[in-house]
């Protein structure tokens, strides 16, 4: 057992990370934009809910 090397996290010197393709980069950009829009929508929903709660409290 002592002759086996642990290979987690190690790479051979000639092995390099491949560059992402244009399609992958574009897909990542679209995903990031969609996540940003989703977070923006969530913020607006919470603001509107808070406004409605405040209106209910003041009118009751």
PDB file of N, CA and C in Angstrom:
ATOM      1  N   UNK A   1       0.804  -1.201   0.000  1.00  0.00           N
ATOM      2  CA  UNK A   1       0.000   0.000   0.000  1.00  0.00           C
ATOM      3  C   UNK A   1       0.848   1.266   0.000  1.00  0.00           C
ATOM      4  N   UNK A   2       2.019   1.201   0.546  1.00  0.00           N
ATOM      5  CA  UNK A   2       2.811   2.422   0.653  1.00  0.00           C
ATOM      6  C   UNK A   2       3.399   2.889  -0.672  1.00  0.00           C
ATOM      7  N   UNK A   3       3.308   2.045  -1.720  1.00  0.00           N
ATOM      8  CA  UNK A   3       3.839   2.433  -3.017  1.00  0.00           C
ATOM      9  C   UNK A   3       2.845   3.255  -3.824  1.00  0.00           C
ATOM     10  N   UNK A   4       1.593   3.267  -3.408  1.00  0.00           N
ATOM     11  CA  UNK A   4       0.576   4.032  -4.133  1.00  0.00           C
ATOM     12  C   UNK A   4       0.625   5.482  -3.699  1.00  0.00           C
ATOM     13  N   UNK A   5       0.614   6.351  -4.688  1.00  0.00           N
ATOM     14  CA  UNK A   5       0.577   7.778  -4.386  1.00  0.00           C
ATOM     15  C   UNK A   5      -0.859   8.257  -4.375  1.00  0.00           C
ATOM     16  N   UNK A   6      -1.091   9.199  -3.546  1.00  0.00           N
ATOM     17  CA  UNK A   6      -2.414   9.825  -3.534  1.00  0.00           C
ATOM     18  C   UNK A   6      -2.461  10.828  -4.679  1.00  0.00           C
ATOM     19  N   UNK A   7      -3.415  10.677  -5.565  1.00  0.00           N
ATOM     20  CA  UNK A   7      -3.452  11.508  -6.769  1.00  0.00           C
ATOM     21  C   UNK A   7      -4.471  12.637  -6.690  1.00  0.00           C
ATOM     22  N   UNK A   8      -5.105  12.810  -5.585  1.00  0.00           N
ATOM     23  CA  UNK A   8      -6.105  13.870  -5.503  1.00  0.00           C
ATOM     24  C   UNK A   8      -5.437  15.235  -5.509  1.00  0.00           C
ATOM     25  N   UNK A   9      -5.859  16.069  -6.416  1.00  0.00           N
ATOM     26  CA  UNK A   9      -5.342  17.425  -6.484  1.00  0.00           C
ATOM     27  C   UNK A   9      -4.024  17.565  -7.216  1.00  0.00           C
ATOM     28  N   UNK A  10      -3.435  16.478  -7.640  1.00  0.00           N
ATOM     29  CA  UNK A  10      -2.157  16.541  -8.360  1.00  0.00           C
ATOM     30  C   UNK A  10      -2.381  16.226  -9.823  1.00  0.00           C
ATOM     31  N   UNK A  11      -1.619  16.886 -10.658  1.00  0.00           N
ATOM     32  CA  UNK A  11      -1.696  16.644 -12.093  1.00  0.00           C
ATOM     33  C   UNK A  11      -0.294  16.448 -12.642  1.00  0.00           C
ATOM     34  N   UNK A  12      -0.218  15.702 -13.681  1.00  0.00           N
ATOM     35  CA  UNK A  12       1.065  15.550 -14.354  1.00  0.00           C
ATOM     36  C   UNK A  12       1.436  16.878 -14.995  1.00  0.00           C
ATOM     37  N   UNK A  13       2.713  17.197 -15.083  1.00  0.00           N
ATOM     38  CA  UNK A  13       3.121  18.504 -15.644  1.00  0.00           C
ATOM     39  C   UNK A  13       2.620  18.740 -17.066  1.00  0.00           C
ATOM     40  N   UNK A  14       2.530  17.703 -17.886  1.00  0.00           N
ATOM     41  CA  UNK A  14       2.086  17.912 -19.259  1.00  0.00           C
ATOM     42  C   UNK A  14       0.558  18.042 -19.356  1.00  0.00           C
ATOM     43  N   UNK A  15      -0.157  17.696 -18.288  1.00  0.00           N
ATOM     44  CA  UNK A  15      -1.615  17.766 -18.320  1.00  0.00           C
ATOM     45  C   UNK A  15      -2.057  19.184 -17.944  1.00  0.00           C
ATOM     46  N   UNK A  16      -2.761  19.833 -18.852  1.00  0.00           N
ATOM     47  CA  UNK A  16      -3.220  21.200 -18.603  1.00  0.00           C
ATOM     48  C   UNK A  16      -4.725  21.251 -18.663  1.00  0.00           C
ATOM     49  N   UNK A  17      -5.260  22.270 -18.006  1.00  0.00           N
ATOM     50  CA  UNK A  17      -6.703  22.501 -18.099  1.00  0.00           C
ATOM     51  C   UNK A  17      -7.028  22.974 -19.493  1.00  0.00           C
ATOM     52  N   UNK A  18      -8.056  22.412 -20.073  1.00  0.00           N
ATOM     53  CA  UNK A  18      -8.411  22.857 -21.411  1.00  0.00           C
ATOM     54  C   UNK A  18      -9.182  24.166 -21.329  1.00  0.00           C
ATOM     55  N   UNK A  19      -9.043  24.969 -22.326  1.00  0.00           N
ATOM     56  CA  UNK A  19      -9.737  26.258 -22.370  1.00  0.00           C
ATOM     57  C   UNK A  19     -11.205  26.000 -22.703  1.00  0.00           C
ATOM     58  N   UNK A  20     -12.114  26.687 -22.019  1.00  0.00           N
ATOM     59  CA  UNK A  20     -13.529  26.493 -22.328  1.00  0.00           C
ATOM     60  C   UNK A  20     -13.862  26.998 -23.732  1.00  0.00           C
ATOM     61  N   UNK A  21     -14.791  26.331 -24.368  1.00  0.00           N
ATOM     62  CA  UNK A  21     -15.172  26.728 -25.725  1.00  0.00           C
ATOM     63  C   UNK A  21     -16.019  28.000 -25.670  1.00  0.00           C
ATOM     64  N   UNK A  22     -16.186  28.615 -26.830  1.00  0.00           N
ATOM     65  CA  UNK A  22     -17.007  29.819 -26.922  1.00  0.00           C
ATOM     66  C   UNK A  22     -18.428  29.531 -26.456  1.00  0.00           C
ATOM     67  N   UNK A  23     -18.946  28.371 -26.829  1.00  0.00           N
ATOM     68  CA  UNK A  23     -20.301  27.984 -26.436  1.00  0.00           C
ATOM     69  C   UNK A  23     -20.407  27.873 -24.912  1.00  0.00           C
ATOM     70  N   UNK A  24     -19.386  27.297 -24.276  1.00  0.00           N
ATOM     71  CA  UNK A  24     -19.413  27.170 -22.816  1.00  0.00           C
ATOM     72  C   UNK A  24     -19.318  28.529 -22.139  1.00  0.00           C
ATOM     73  N   UNK A  25     -18.475  29.408 -22.676  1.00  0.00           N
ATOM     74  CA  UNK A  25     -18.366  30.749 -22.097  1.00  0.00           C
ATOM     75  C   UNK A  25     -19.685  31.504 -22.211  1.00  0.00           C
ATOM     76  N   UNK A  26     -20.308  31.377 -23.375  1.00  0.00           N
ATOM     77  CA  UNK A  26     -21.587  32.061 -23.586  1.00  0.00           C
ATOM     78  C   UNK A  26     -22.670  31.507 -22.669  1.00  0.00           C
ATOM     79  N   UNK A  27     -22.679  30.194 -22.499  1.00  0.00           N
ATOM     80  CA  UNK A  27     -23.657  29.569 -21.613  1.00  0.00           C
ATOM     81  C   UNK A  27     -23.446  30.032 -20.175  1.00  0.00           C
ATOM     82  N   UNK A  28     -22.195  30.158 -19.754  1.00  0.00           N
ATOM     83  CA  UNK A  28     -21.920  30.628 -18.395  1.00  0.00           C
ATOM     84  C   UNK A  28     -22.391  32.070 -18.218  1.00  0.00           C
ATOM     85  N   UNK A  29     -22.156  32.899 -19.251  1.00  0.00           N
ATOM     86  CA  UNK A  29     -22.590  34.293 -19.191  1.00  0.00           C
ATOM     87  C   UNK A  29     -24.120  34.379 -19.095  1.00  0.00           C
ATOM     88  N   UNK A  30     -24.806  33.580 -19.911  1.00  0.00           N
ATOM     89  CA  UNK A  30     -26.271  33.571 -19.859  1.00  0.00           C
ATOM     90  C   UNK A  30     -26.767  33.127 -18.491  1.00  0.00           C
ATOM     91  N   UNK A  31     -26.113  32.119 -17.916  1.00  0.00           N
ATOM     92  CA  UNK A  31     -26.505  31.632 -16.596  1.00  0.00           C
ATOM     93  C   UNK A  31     -26.318  32.718 -15.545  1.00  0.00           C
ATOM     94  N   UNK A  32     -25.182  33.409 -15.596  1.00  0.00           N
ATOM     95  CA  UNK A  32     -24.924  34.469 -14.626  1.00  0.00           C
ATOM     96  C   UNK A  32     -25.934  35.606 -14.760  1.00  0.00           C
ATOM     97  N   UNK A  33     -26.279  35.954 -15.998  1.00  0.00           N
ATOM     98  CA  UNK A  33     -27.281  37.009 -16.209  1.00  0.00           C
ATOM     99  C   UNK A  33     -28.642  36.573 -15.681  1.00  0.00           C
ATOM    100  N   UNK A  34     -29.006  35.326 -15.933  1.00  0.00           N
ATOM    101  CA  UNK A  34     -30.295  34.819 -15.458  1.00  0.00           C
ATOM    102  C   UNK A  34     -30.336  34.813 -13.933  1.00  0.00           C
ATOM    103  N   UNK A  35     -29.232  34.430 -13.297  1.00  0.00           N
ATOM    104  CA  UNK A  35     -29.191  34.441 -11.833  1.00  0.00           C
ATOM    105  C   UNK A  35     -29.314  35.856 -11.294  1.00  0.00           C
ATOM    106  N   UNK A  36     -28.670  36.800 -11.959  1.00  0.00           N
ATOM    107  CA  UNK A  36     -28.753  38.202 -11.523  1.00  0.00           C
ATOM    108  C   UNK A  36     -30.186  38.716 -11.646  1.00  0.00           C
ATOM    109  N   UNK A  37     -30.851  38.373 -12.771  1.00  0.00           N
ATOM    110  CA  UNK A  37     -32.253  38.795 -12.936  1.00  0.00           C
ATOM    111  C   UNK A  37     -33.136  38.158 -11.871  1.00  0.00           C
ATOM    112  N   UNK A  38     -32.875  36.898 -11.565  1.00  0.00           N
ATOM    113  CA  UNK A  38     -33.665  36.201 -10.553  1.00  0.00           C
ATOM    114  C   UNK A  38     -33.501  36.856  -9.185  1.00  0.00           C
ATOM    115  N   UNK A  39     -32.270  37.199  -8.822  1.00  0.00           N
ATOM    116  CA  UNK A  39     -32.038  37.863  -7.542  1.00  0.00           C
ATOM    117  C   UNK A  39     -32.705  39.235  -7.509  1.00  0.00           C
ATOM    118  N   UNK A  40     -32.652  39.955  -8.618  1.00  0.00           N
ATOM    119  CA  UNK A  40     -33.293  41.261  -8.699  1.00  0.00           C
ATOM    120  C   UNK A  40     -34.802  41.134  -8.518  1.00  0.00           C
ATOM    121  N   UNK A  41     -35.375  40.130  -9.154  1.00  0.00           N
ATOM    122  CA  UNK A  41     -36.816  39.890  -9.021  1.00  0.00           C
ATOM    123  C   UNK A  41     -37.169  39.542  -7.581  1.00  0.00           C
ATOM    124  N   UNK A  42     -36.327  38.733  -6.952  1.00  0.00           N
ATOM    125  CA  UNK A  42     -36.583  38.345  -5.561  1.00  0.00           C
ATOM    126  C   UNK A  42     -36.548  39.557  -4.645  1.00  0.00           C
ATOM    127  N   UNK A  43     -35.611  40.467  -4.885  1.00  0.00           N
ATOM    128  CA  UNK A  43     -35.523  41.688  -4.081  1.00  0.00           C
ATOM    129  C   UNK A  43     -36.792  42.520  -4.257  1.00  0.00           C
ATOM    130  N   UNK A  44     -37.235  42.662  -5.511  1.00  0.00           N
ATOM    131  CA  UNK A  44     -38.460  43.444  -5.762  1.00  0.00           C
ATOM    132  C   UNK A  44     -39.671  42.811  -5.077  1.00  0.00           C
ATOM    133  N   UNK A  45     -39.774  41.497  -5.112  1.00  0.00           N
ATOM    134  CA  UNK A  45     -40.899  40.810  -4.478  1.00  0.00           C
ATOM    135  C   UNK A  45     -40.897  41.074  -2.977  1.00  0.00           C
ATOM    136  N   UNK A  46     -39.718  40.990  -2.346  1.00  0.00           N
ATOM    137  CA  UNK A  46     -39.641  41.217  -0.901  1.00  0.00           C
ATOM    138  C   UNK A  46     -39.956  42.668  -0.555  1.00  0.00           C
ATOM    139  N   UNK A  47     -39.516  43.600  -1.385  1.00  0.00           N
ATOM    140  CA  UNK A  47     -39.827  45.011  -1.135  1.00  0.00           C
ATOM    141  C   UNK A  47     -41.322  45.261  -1.247  1.00  0.00           C
ATOM    142  N   UNK A  48     -41.952  44.675  -2.272  1.00  0.00           N
ATOM    143  CA  UNK A  48     -43.387  44.852  -2.439  1.00  0.00           C
ATOM    144  C   UNK A  48     -44.159  44.209  -1.292  1.00  0.00           C
ATOM    145  N   UNK A  49     -43.726  43.048  -0.840  1.00  0.00           N
ATOM    146  CA  UNK A  49     -44.390  42.380   0.284  1.00  0.00           C
ATOM    147  C   UNK A  49     -44.263  43.218   1.553  1.00  0.00           C
ATOM    148  N   UNK A  50     -43.099  43.810   1.776  1.00  0.00           N
ATOM    149  CA  UNK A  50     -42.906  44.667   2.945  1.00  0.00           C
ATOM    150  C   UNK A  50     -43.803  45.895   2.853  1.00  0.00           C
ATOM    151  N   UNK A  51     -43.916  46.466   1.647  1.00  0.00           N
ATOM    152  CA  UNK A  51     -44.780  47.634   1.460  1.00  0.00           C
ATOM    153  C   UNK A  51     -46.238  47.269   1.752  1.00  0.00           C
ATOM    154  N   UNK A  52     -46.669  46.108   1.273  1.00  0.00           N
ATOM    155  CA  UNK A  52     -48.053  45.678   1.514  1.00  0.00           C
ATOM    156  C   UNK A  52     -48.285  45.436   3.006  1.00  0.00           C
ATOM    157  N   UNK A  53     -47.303  44.810   3.674  1.00  0.00           N
ATOM    158  CA  UNK A  53     -47.453  44.575   5.122  1.00  0.00           C
ATOM    159  C   UNK A  53     -47.563  45.895   5.872  1.00  0.00           C
ATOM    160  N   UNK A  54     -46.758  46.879   5.478  1.00  0.00           N
ATOM    161  CA  UNK A  54     -46.817  48.188   6.143  1.00  0.00           C
ATOM    162  C   UNK A  54     -48.153  48.869   5.900  1.00  0.00           C
ATOM    163  N   UNK A  55     -48.707  48.749   4.698  1.00  0.00           N
ATOM    164  CA  UNK A  55     -50.009  49.343   4.400  1.00  0.00           C
ATOM    165  C   UNK A  55     -51.106  48.675   5.221  1.00  0.00           C
ATOM    166  N   UNK A  56     -51.028  47.380   5.392  1.00  0.00           N
ATOM    167  CA  UNK A  56     -52.040  46.667   6.175  1.00  0.00           C
ATOM    168  C   UNK A  56     -51.972  47.111   7.631  1.00  0.00           C
ATOM    169  N   UNK A  57     -50.758  47.286   8.156  1.00  0.00           N
ATOM    170  CA  UNK A  57     -50.607  47.704   9.549  1.00  0.00           C
ATOM    171  C   UNK A  57     -51.134  49.115   9.774  1.00  0.00           C
ATOM    172  N   UNK A  58     -50.856  50.016   8.855  1.00  0.00           N
ATOM    173  CA  UNK A  58     -51.271  51.401   9.057  1.00  0.00           C
ATOM    174  C   UNK A  58     -52.770  51.576   8.850  1.00  0.00           C
ATOM    175  N   UNK A  59     -53.384  50.749   8.000  1.00  0.00           N
ATOM    176  CA  UNK A  59     -54.814  50.910   7.749  1.00  0.00           C
ATOM    177  C   UNK A  59     -55.660  50.172   8.772  1.00  0.00           C
ATOM    178  N   UNK A  60     -55.089  49.211   9.478  1.00  0.00           N
ATOM    179  CA  UNK A  60     -55.878  48.426  10.439  1.00  0.00           C
ATOM    180  C   UNK A  60     -55.990  49.102  11.777  1.00  0.00           C
TER     181      UNK A  60
END
